[in-house]
PDB file of N, CA and C in Angstrom:
ATOM      1  N   UNK A   1     -28.483  25.607   6.430  1.00  0.00           N
ATOM      2  CA  UNK A   1     -29.096  26.676   5.667  1.00  0.00           C
ATOM      3  C   UNK A   1     -30.508  26.309   5.234  1.00  0.00           C
ATOM      4  N   UNK A   2     -30.860  25.033   5.243  1.00  0.00           N
ATOM      5  CA  UNK A   2     -32.210  24.611   4.860  1.00  0.00           C
ATOM      6  C   UNK A   2     -33.016  24.195   6.080  1.00  0.00           C
ATOM      7  N   UNK A   3     -32.576  24.578   7.265  1.00  0.00           N
ATOM      8  CA  UNK A   3     -33.217  24.148   8.498  1.00  0.00           C
ATOM      9  C   UNK A   3     -34.672  24.623   8.633  1.00  0.00           C
ATOM     10  N   UNK A   4     -35.060  25.822   8.206  1.00  0.00           N
ATOM     11  CA  UNK A   4     -36.451  26.244   8.394  1.00  0.00           C
ATOM     12  C   UNK A   4     -37.457  25.381   7.628  1.00  0.00           C
ATOM     13  N   UNK A   5     -36.996  24.637   6.631  1.00  0.00           N
ATOM     14  CA  UNK A   5     -37.915  23.845   5.820  1.00  0.00           C
ATOM     15  C   UNK A   5     -37.715  22.368   6.151  1.00  0.00           C
ATOM     16  N   UNK A   6     -38.682  21.736   6.791  1.00  0.00           N
ATOM     17  CA  UNK A   6     -38.549  20.343   7.208  1.00  0.00           C
ATOM     18  C   UNK A   6     -38.453  19.397   6.022  1.00  0.00           C
ATOM     19  N   UNK A   7     -39.095  19.696   4.924  1.00  0.00           N
ATOM     20  CA  UNK A   7     -39.115  18.792   3.785  1.00  0.00           C
ATOM     21  C   UNK A   7     -37.757  18.692   3.090  1.00  0.00           C
ATOM     22  N   UNK A   8     -36.946  19.711   3.184  1.00  0.00           N
ATOM     23  CA  UNK A   8     -35.664  19.695   2.479  1.00  0.00           C
ATOM     24  C   UNK A   8     -34.552  19.029   3.279  1.00  0.00           C
ATOM     25  N   UNK A   9     -34.766  18.721   4.544  1.00  0.00           N
ATOM     26  CA  UNK A   9     -33.734  18.114   5.378  1.00  0.00           C
ATOM     27  C   UNK A   9     -33.140  16.839   4.799  1.00  0.00           C
ATOM     28  N   UNK A  10     -33.970  15.849   4.396  1.00  0.00           N
ATOM     29  CA  UNK A  10     -33.411  14.623   3.825  1.00  0.00           C
ATOM     30  C   UNK A  10     -32.628  14.874   2.533  1.00  0.00           C
ATOM     31  N   UNK A  11     -33.061  15.830   1.745  1.00  0.00           N
ATOM     32  CA  UNK A  11     -32.357  16.124   0.496  1.00  0.00           C
ATOM     33  C   UNK A  11     -30.978  16.721   0.763  1.00  0.00           C
ATOM     34  N   UNK A  12     -30.887  17.549   1.792  1.00  0.00           N
ATOM     35  CA  UNK A  12     -29.596  18.122   2.162  1.00  0.00           C
ATOM     36  C   UNK A  12     -28.657  17.016   2.641  1.00  0.00           C
ATOM     37  N   UNK A  13     -29.175  16.069   3.411  1.00  0.00           N
ATOM     38  CA  UNK A  13     -28.361  14.948   3.882  1.00  0.00           C
ATOM     39  C   UNK A  13     -27.914  14.087   2.707  1.00  0.00           C
ATOM     40  N   UNK A  14     -28.825  13.797   1.787  1.00  0.00           N
ATOM     41  CA  UNK A  14     -28.483  12.998   0.608  1.00  0.00           C
ATOM     42  C   UNK A  14     -27.428  13.715  -0.225  1.00  0.00           C
ATOM     43  N   UNK A  15     -27.567  15.014  -0.398  1.00  0.00           N
ATOM     44  CA  UNK A  15     -26.576  15.781  -1.154  1.00  0.00           C
ATOM     45  C   UNK A  15     -25.200  15.708  -0.486  1.00  0.00           C
ATOM     46  N   UNK A  16     -25.179  15.742   0.831  1.00  0.00           N
ATOM     47  CA  UNK A  16     -23.918  15.595   1.556  1.00  0.00           C
ATOM     48  C   UNK A  16     -23.287  14.230   1.324  1.00  0.00           C
ATOM     49  N   UNK A  17     -24.106  13.173   1.321  1.00  0.00           N
ATOM     50  CA  UNK A  17     -23.594  11.825   1.056  1.00  0.00           C
ATOM     51  C   UNK A  17     -23.085  11.696  -0.380  1.00  0.00           C
ATOM     52  N   UNK A  18     -23.805  12.269  -1.319  1.00  0.00           N
ATOM     53  CA  UNK A  18     -23.379  12.222  -2.723  1.00  0.00           C
ATOM     54  C   UNK A  18     -22.044  12.939  -2.890  1.00  0.00           C
ATOM     55  N   UNK A  19     -21.901  14.090  -2.262  1.00  0.00           N
ATOM     56  CA  UNK A  19     -20.649  14.841  -2.354  1.00  0.00           C
ATOM     57  C   UNK A  19     -19.493  14.057  -1.748  1.00  0.00           C
ATOM     58  N   UNK A  20     -19.714  13.441  -0.597  1.00  0.00           N
ATOM     59  CA  UNK A  20     -18.657  12.649   0.046  1.00  0.00           C
ATOM     60  C   UNK A  20     -18.268  11.457  -0.821  1.00  0.00           C
ATOM     61  N   UNK A  21     -19.261  10.768  -1.398  1.00  0.00           N
ATOM     62  CA  UNK A  21     -18.963   9.625  -2.266  1.00  0.00           C
ATOM     63  C   UNK A  21     -18.210  10.059  -3.514  1.00  0.00           C
ATOM     64  N   UNK A  22     -18.596  11.186  -4.085  1.00  0.00           N
ATOM     65  CA  UNK A  22     -17.901  11.677  -5.271  1.00  0.00           C
ATOM     66  C   UNK A  22     -16.453  12.028  -4.954  1.00  0.00           C
ATOM     67  N   UNK A  23     -16.215  12.656  -3.826  1.00  0.00           N
ATOM     68  CA  UNK A  23     -14.846  13.008  -3.451  1.00  0.00           C
ATOM     69  C   UNK A  23     -13.996  11.762  -3.217  1.00  0.00           C
ATOM     70  N   UNK A  24     -14.576  10.725  -2.602  1.00  0.00           N
ATOM     71  CA  UNK A  24     -13.844   9.464  -2.427  1.00  0.00           C
ATOM     72  C   UNK A  24     -13.500   8.858  -3.782  1.00  0.00           C
ATOM     73  N   UNK A  25     -14.463   8.861  -4.700  1.00  0.00           N
ATOM     74  CA  UNK A  25     -14.225   8.322  -6.034  1.00  0.00           C
ATOM     75  C   UNK A  25     -13.150   9.129  -6.756  1.00  0.00           C
ATOM     76  N   UNK A  26     -13.194  10.445  -6.639  1.00  0.00           N
ATOM     77  CA  UNK A  26     -12.222  11.298  -7.325  1.00  0.00           C
ATOM     78  C   UNK A  26     -10.813  11.063  -6.793  1.00  0.00           C
ATOM     79  N   UNK A  27     -10.671  10.882  -5.485  1.00  0.00           N
ATOM     80  CA  UNK A  27      -9.350  10.607  -4.914  1.00  0.00           C
ATOM     81  C   UNK A  27      -8.818   9.282  -5.444  1.00  0.00           C
ATOM     82  N   UNK A  28      -9.647   8.246  -5.452  1.00  0.00           N
ATOM     83  CA  UNK A  28      -9.215   6.953  -5.987  1.00  0.00           C
ATOM     84  C   UNK A  28      -8.867   7.054  -7.467  1.00  0.00           C
ATOM     85  N   UNK A  29      -9.663   7.789  -8.221  1.00  0.00           N
ATOM     86  CA  UNK A  29      -9.401   7.951  -9.648  1.00  0.00           C
ATOM     87  C   UNK A  29      -8.042   8.604  -9.872  1.00  0.00           C
ATOM     88  N   UNK A  30      -7.753   9.670  -9.143  1.00  0.00           N
ATOM     89  CA  UNK A  30      -6.485  10.369  -9.342  1.00  0.00           C
ATOM     90  C   UNK A  30      -5.296   9.581  -8.806  1.00  0.00           C
ATOM     91  N   UNK A  31      -5.500   8.742  -7.794  1.00  0.00           N
ATOM     92  CA  UNK A  31      -4.420   7.879  -7.317  1.00  0.00           C
ATOM     93  C   UNK A  31      -4.003   6.915  -8.419  1.00  0.00           C
ATOM     94  N   UNK A  32      -4.938   6.487  -9.237  1.00  0.00           N
ATOM     95  CA  UNK A  32      -4.620   5.591 -10.356  1.00  0.00           C
ATOM     96  C   UNK A  32      -4.226   6.391 -11.595  1.00  0.00           C
ATOM     97  N   UNK A  33      -4.889   7.497 -11.863  1.00  0.00           N
ATOM     98  CA  UNK A  33      -4.716   8.268 -13.096  1.00  0.00           C
ATOM     99  C   UNK A  33      -3.340   8.927 -13.201  1.00  0.00           C
ATOM    100  N   UNK A  34      -2.846   9.512 -12.133  1.00  0.00           N
ATOM    101  CA  UNK A  34      -1.576  10.242 -12.180  1.00  0.00           C
ATOM    102  C   UNK A  34      -0.395   9.313 -12.478  1.00  0.00           C
ATOM    103  N   UNK A  35      -0.210   8.189 -11.776  1.00  0.00           N
ATOM    104  CA  UNK A  35       0.912   7.308 -12.139  1.00  0.00           C
ATOM    105  C   UNK A  35       0.769   6.703 -13.532  1.00  0.00           C
ATOM    106  N   UNK A  36      -0.455   6.392 -13.922  1.00  0.00           N
ATOM    107  CA  UNK A  36      -0.698   5.847 -15.251  1.00  0.00           C
ATOM    108  C   UNK A  36      -0.309   6.872 -16.317  1.00  0.00           C
ATOM    109  N   UNK A  37      -0.666   8.120 -16.099  1.00  0.00           N
ATOM    110  CA  UNK A  37      -0.290   9.182 -17.035  1.00  0.00           C
ATOM    111  C   UNK A  37       1.219   9.390 -17.052  1.00  0.00           C
ATOM    112  N   UNK A  38       1.855   9.288 -15.901  1.00  0.00           N
ATOM    113  CA  UNK A  38       3.311   9.449 -15.843  1.00  0.00           C
ATOM    114  C   UNK A  38       4.012   8.352 -16.633  1.00  0.00           C
ATOM    115  N   UNK A  39       3.494   7.132 -16.557  1.00  0.00           N
ATOM    116  CA  UNK A  39       4.111   6.049 -17.334  1.00  0.00           C
ATOM    117  C   UNK A  39       3.919   6.279 -18.832  1.00  0.00           C
ATOM    118  N   UNK A  40       2.765   6.783 -19.242  1.00  0.00           N
ATOM    119  CA  UNK A  40       2.561   7.108 -20.650  1.00  0.00           C
ATOM    120  C   UNK A  40       3.496   8.230 -21.084  1.00  0.00           C
ATOM    121  N   UNK A  41       3.751   9.195 -20.193  1.00  0.00           N
ATOM    122  CA  UNK A  41       4.664  10.291 -20.513  1.00  0.00           C
ATOM    123  C   UNK A  41       6.069   9.759 -20.758  1.00  0.00           C
ATOM    124  N   UNK A  42       6.498   8.785 -19.943  1.00  0.00           N
ATOM    125  CA  UNK A  42       7.850   8.237 -20.090  1.00  0.00           C
ATOM    126  C   UNK A  42       7.993   7.383 -21.348  1.00  0.00           C
ATOM    127  N   UNK A  43       6.933   6.650 -21.713  1.00  0.00           N
ATOM    128  CA  UNK A  43       7.031   5.735 -22.849  1.00  0.00           C
ATOM    129  C   UNK A  43       6.685   6.427 -24.165  1.00  0.00           C
ATOM    130  N   UNK A  44       5.619   7.225 -24.183  1.00  0.00           N
ATOM    131  CA  UNK A  44       5.118   7.784 -25.439  1.00  0.00           C
ATOM    132  C   UNK A  44       5.209   9.300 -25.532  1.00  0.00           C
ATOM    133  N   UNK A  45       5.449   9.993 -24.432  1.00  0.00           N
ATOM    134  CA  UNK A  45       5.364  11.451 -24.415  1.00  0.00           C
ATOM    135  C   UNK A  45       6.651  12.159 -24.733  1.00  0.00           C
ATOM    136  N   UNK A  46       6.771  13.361 -24.191  1.00  0.00           N
ATOM    137  CA  UNK A  46       7.891  14.236 -24.498  1.00  0.00           C
ATOM    138  C   UNK A  46       9.245  13.718 -24.066  1.00  0.00           C
ATOM    139  N   UNK A  47       9.305  12.791 -23.127  1.00  0.00           N
ATOM    140  CA  UNK A  47      10.575  12.245 -22.658  1.00  0.00           C
ATOM    141  C   UNK A  47      11.130  11.223 -23.645  1.00  0.00           C
ATOM    142  N   UNK A  48      10.250  10.551 -24.395  1.00  0.00           N
ATOM    143  CA  UNK A  48      10.705   9.516 -25.331  1.00  0.00           C
ATOM    144  C   UNK A  48      11.421  10.155 -26.525  1.00  0.00           C
ATOM    145  N   UNK A  49      12.289   9.390 -27.222  1.00  0.00           N
ATOM    146  CA  UNK A  49      13.030   9.948 -28.366  1.00  0.00           C
ATOM    147  C   UNK A  49      12.121  10.443 -29.488  1.00  0.00           C
ATOM    148  N   UNK A  50      11.059   9.713 -29.778  1.00  0.00           N
ATOM    149  CA  UNK A  50      10.104  10.132 -30.817  1.00  0.00           C
ATOM    150  C   UNK A  50       8.703  10.125 -30.217  1.00  0.00           C
ATOM    151  N   UNK A  51       8.238  11.253 -29.687  1.00  0.00           N
ATOM    152  CA  UNK A  51       6.915  11.279 -29.068  1.00  0.00           C
ATOM    153  C   UNK A  51       5.808  11.007 -30.082  1.00  0.00           C
ATOM    154  N   UNK A  52       4.795  10.308 -29.636  1.00  0.00           N
ATOM    155  CA  UNK A  52       3.634  10.001 -30.469  1.00  0.00           C
ATOM    156  C   UNK A  52       2.777  11.257 -30.584  1.00  0.00           C
ATOM    157  N   UNK A  53       2.144  11.432 -31.750  1.00  0.00           N
ATOM    158  CA  UNK A  53       1.278  12.596 -31.966  1.00  0.00           C
ATOM    159  C   UNK A  53       0.133  12.577 -30.958  1.00  0.00           C
ATOM    160  N   UNK A  54      -0.060  13.679 -30.287  1.00  0.00           N
ATOM    161  CA  UNK A  54      -1.096  13.779 -29.269  1.00  0.00           C
ATOM    162  C   UNK A  54      -0.588  13.473 -27.870  1.00  0.00           C
ATOM    163  N   UNK A  55       0.684  13.121 -27.746  1.00  0.00           N
ATOM    164  CA  UNK A  55       1.272  12.812 -26.450  1.00  0.00           C
ATOM    165  C   UNK A  55       2.540  13.630 -26.212  1.00  0.00           C
ATOM    166  N   UNK A  56       2.765  14.655 -27.001  1.00  0.00           N
ATOM    167  CA  UNK A  56       3.990  15.443 -26.929  1.00  0.00           C
ATOM    168  C   UNK A  56       4.043  16.405 -25.761  1.00  0.00           C
ATOM    169  N   UNK A  57       2.924  16.995 -25.396  1.00  0.00           N
ATOM    170  CA  UNK A  57       2.894  17.916 -24.256  1.00  0.00           C
ATOM    171  C   UNK A  57       2.101  17.280 -23.121  1.00  0.00           C
ATOM    172  N   UNK A  58       2.300  17.794 -21.929  1.00  0.00           N
ATOM    173  CA  UNK A  58       1.630  17.223 -20.761  1.00  0.00           C
ATOM    174  C   UNK A  58       0.112  17.369 -20.852  1.00  0.00           C
ATOM    175  N   UNK A  59      -0.369  18.505 -21.333  1.00  0.00           N
ATOM    176  CA  UNK A  59      -1.822  18.700 -21.407  1.00  0.00           C
ATOM    177  C   UNK A  59      -2.461  17.766 -22.428  1.00  0.00           C
ATOM    178  N   UNK A  60      -1.814  17.578 -23.582  1.00  0.00           N
ATOM    179  CA  UNK A  60      -2.338  16.634 -24.576  1.00  0.00           C
ATOM    180  C   UNK A  60      -2.340  15.221 -24.025  1.00  0.00           C
ATOM    181  N   UNK A  61      -1.269  14.859 -23.341  1.00  0.00           N
ATOM    182  CA  UNK A  61      -1.157  13.523 -22.787  1.00  0.00           C
ATOM    183  C   UNK A  61      -2.241  13.263 -21.746  1.00  0.00           C
ATOM    184  N   UNK A  62      -2.447  14.198 -20.820  1.00  0.00           N
ATOM    185  CA  UNK A  62      -3.477  14.019 -19.797  1.00  0.00           C
ATOM    186  C   UNK A  62      -4.858  13.904 -20.424  1.00  0.00           C
ATOM    187  N   UNK A  63      -5.118  14.705 -21.450  1.00  0.00           N
ATOM    188  CA  UNK A  63      -6.412  14.637 -22.119  1.00  0.00           C
ATOM    189  C   UNK A  63      -6.592  13.296 -22.822  1.00  0.00           C
ATOM    190  N   UNK A  64      -5.558  12.812 -23.517  1.00  0.00           N
ATOM    191  CA  UNK A  64      -5.677  11.542 -24.225  1.00  0.00           C
ATOM    192  C   UNK A  64      -5.790  10.358 -23.273  1.00  0.00           C
ATOM    193  N   UNK A  65      -5.095  10.396 -22.151  1.00  0.00           N
ATOM    194  CA  UNK A  65      -5.246   9.319 -21.170  1.00  0.00           C
ATOM    195  C   UNK A  65      -6.648   9.358 -20.576  1.00  0.00           C
ATOM    196  N   UNK A  66      -7.199  10.555 -20.342  1.00  0.00           N
ATOM    197  CA  UNK A  66      -8.587  10.644 -19.878  1.00  0.00           C
ATOM    198  C   UNK A  66      -9.537  10.081 -20.925  1.00  0.00           C
ATOM    199  N   UNK A  67      -9.264  10.349 -22.203  1.00  0.00           N
ATOM    200  CA  UNK A  67     -10.108   9.810 -23.270  1.00  0.00           C
ATOM    201  C   UNK A  67     -10.076   8.288 -23.270  1.00  0.00           C
ATOM    202  N   UNK A  68      -8.938   7.701 -22.903  1.00  0.00           N
ATOM    203  CA  UNK A  68      -8.863   6.242 -22.798  1.00  0.00           C
ATOM    204  C   UNK A  68      -9.785   5.723 -21.703  1.00  0.00           C
ATOM    205  N   UNK A  69      -9.883   6.450 -20.596  1.00  0.00           N
ATOM    206  CA  UNK A  69     -10.716   5.984 -19.486  1.00  0.00           C
ATOM    207  C   UNK A  69     -12.196   6.029 -19.827  1.00  0.00           C
ATOM    208  N   UNK A  70     -12.598   6.917 -20.720  1.00  0.00           N
ATOM    209  CA  UNK A  70     -14.006   6.990 -21.113  1.00  0.00           C
ATOM    210  C   UNK A  70     -14.255   6.313 -22.455  1.00  0.00           C
ATOM    211  N   UNK A  71     -13.290   5.527 -22.922  1.00  0.00           N
ATOM    212  CA  UNK A  71     -13.369   4.731 -24.148  1.00  0.00           C
ATOM    213  C   UNK A  71     -13.733   5.609 -25.338  1.00  0.00           C
ATOM    214  N   UNK A  72     -12.958   6.651 -25.540  1.00  0.00           N
ATOM    215  CA  UNK A  72     -13.137   7.567 -26.655  1.00  0.00           C
ATOM    216  C   UNK A  72     -12.106   7.224 -27.730  1.00  0.00           C
ATOM    217  N   UNK A  73     -12.163   7.910 -28.852  1.00  0.00           N
ATOM    218  CA  UNK A  73     -11.182   7.714 -29.921  1.00  0.00           C
ATOM    219  C   UNK A  73      -9.853   8.340 -29.509  1.00  0.00           C
ATOM    220  N   UNK A  74      -8.773   7.583 -29.616  1.00  0.00           N
ATOM    221  CA  UNK A  74      -7.436   8.103 -29.362  1.00  0.00           C
ATOM    222  C   UNK A  74      -6.478   7.437 -30.337  1.00  0.00           C
ATOM    223  N   UNK A  75      -5.252   7.913 -30.412  1.00  0.00           N
ATOM    224  CA  UNK A  75      -4.283   7.488 -31.418  1.00  0.00           C
ATOM    225  C   UNK A  75      -3.643   6.152 -31.030  1.00  0.00           C
ATOM    226  N   UNK A  76      -4.389   5.052 -31.141  1.00  0.00           N
ATOM    227  CA  UNK A  76      -3.840   3.746 -30.781  1.00  0.00           C
ATOM    228  C   UNK A  76      -2.799   3.281 -31.783  1.00  0.00           C
ATOM    229  N   UNK A  77      -3.000   3.585 -33.053  1.00  0.00           N
ATOM    230  CA  UNK A  77      -2.006   3.175 -34.062  1.00  0.00           C
ATOM    231  C   UNK A  77      -0.648   3.798 -33.781  1.00  0.00           C
ATOM    232  N   UNK A  78      -0.637   5.057 -33.416  1.00  0.00           N
ATOM    233  CA  UNK A  78       0.622   5.715 -33.078  1.00  0.00           C
ATOM    234  C   UNK A  78       1.296   5.067 -31.879  1.00  0.00           C
ATOM    235  N   UNK A  79       0.492   4.678 -30.892  1.00  0.00           N
ATOM    236  CA  UNK A  79       1.044   3.999 -29.724  1.00  0.00           C
ATOM    237  C   UNK A  79       1.616   2.640 -30.103  1.00  0.00           C
ATOM    238  N   UNK A  80       0.894   1.899 -30.934  1.00  0.00           N
ATOM    239  CA  UNK A  80       1.353   0.570 -31.345  1.00  0.00           C
ATOM    240  C   UNK A  80       2.612   0.651 -32.199  1.00  0.00           C
ATOM    241  N   UNK A  81       2.721   1.678 -33.041  1.00  0.00           N
ATOM    242  CA  UNK A  81       3.928   1.839 -33.854  1.00  0.00           C
ATOM    243  C   UNK A  81       5.133   2.207 -32.994  1.00  0.00           C
ATOM    244  N   UNK A  82       4.924   3.009 -31.975  1.00  0.00           N
ATOM    245  CA  UNK A  82       6.019   3.429 -31.090  1.00  0.00           C
ATOM    246  C   UNK A  82       6.528   2.255 -30.257  1.00  0.00           C
ATOM    247  N   UNK A  83       5.615   1.543 -29.596  1.00  0.00           N
ATOM    248  CA  UNK A  83       6.006   0.429 -28.726  1.00  0.00           C
ATOM    249  C   UNK A  83       4.816  -0.514 -28.622  1.00  0.00           C
ATOM    250  N   UNK A  84       4.831  -1.584 -29.406  1.00  0.00           N
ATOM    251  CA  UNK A  84       3.693  -2.504 -29.469  1.00  0.00           C
ATOM    252  C   UNK A  84       3.454  -3.203 -28.136  1.00  0.00           C
ATOM    253  N   UNK A  85       4.494  -3.467 -27.383  1.00  0.00           N
ATOM    254  CA  UNK A  85       4.336  -4.155 -26.105  1.00  0.00           C
ATOM    255  C   UNK A  85       3.614  -3.281 -25.089  1.00  0.00           C
ATOM    256  N   UNK A  86       3.972  -2.023 -25.006  1.00  0.00           N
ATOM    257  CA  UNK A  86       3.373  -1.129 -24.017  1.00  0.00           C
ATOM    258  C   UNK A  86       2.021  -0.576 -24.456  1.00  0.00           C
ATOM    259  N   UNK A  87       1.713  -0.612 -25.746  1.00  0.00           N
ATOM    260  CA  UNK A  87       0.446  -0.084 -26.232  1.00  0.00           C
ATOM    261  C   UNK A  87      -0.665  -1.003 -25.805  1.00  0.00           C
TER     262      UNK A  87
END
């Protein structure tokens, strides 16, 4: 689509490489993120006898696990009180 303009050709190629690299990174991230979230669901979430606050529903759990990956504030005290070994 940018063929008539010679100057934009390298930028289109670079954009294609960036998109491919991002998709590879996203696949690797989700390969690690989904099982990690599932383990948190089993230990701290709705399946456990006393779910930790912020881990009771799947959407809250996924958001809080994502917050862990970006080193944001999350309920670590609740996790430690529930199961100190797994926290």
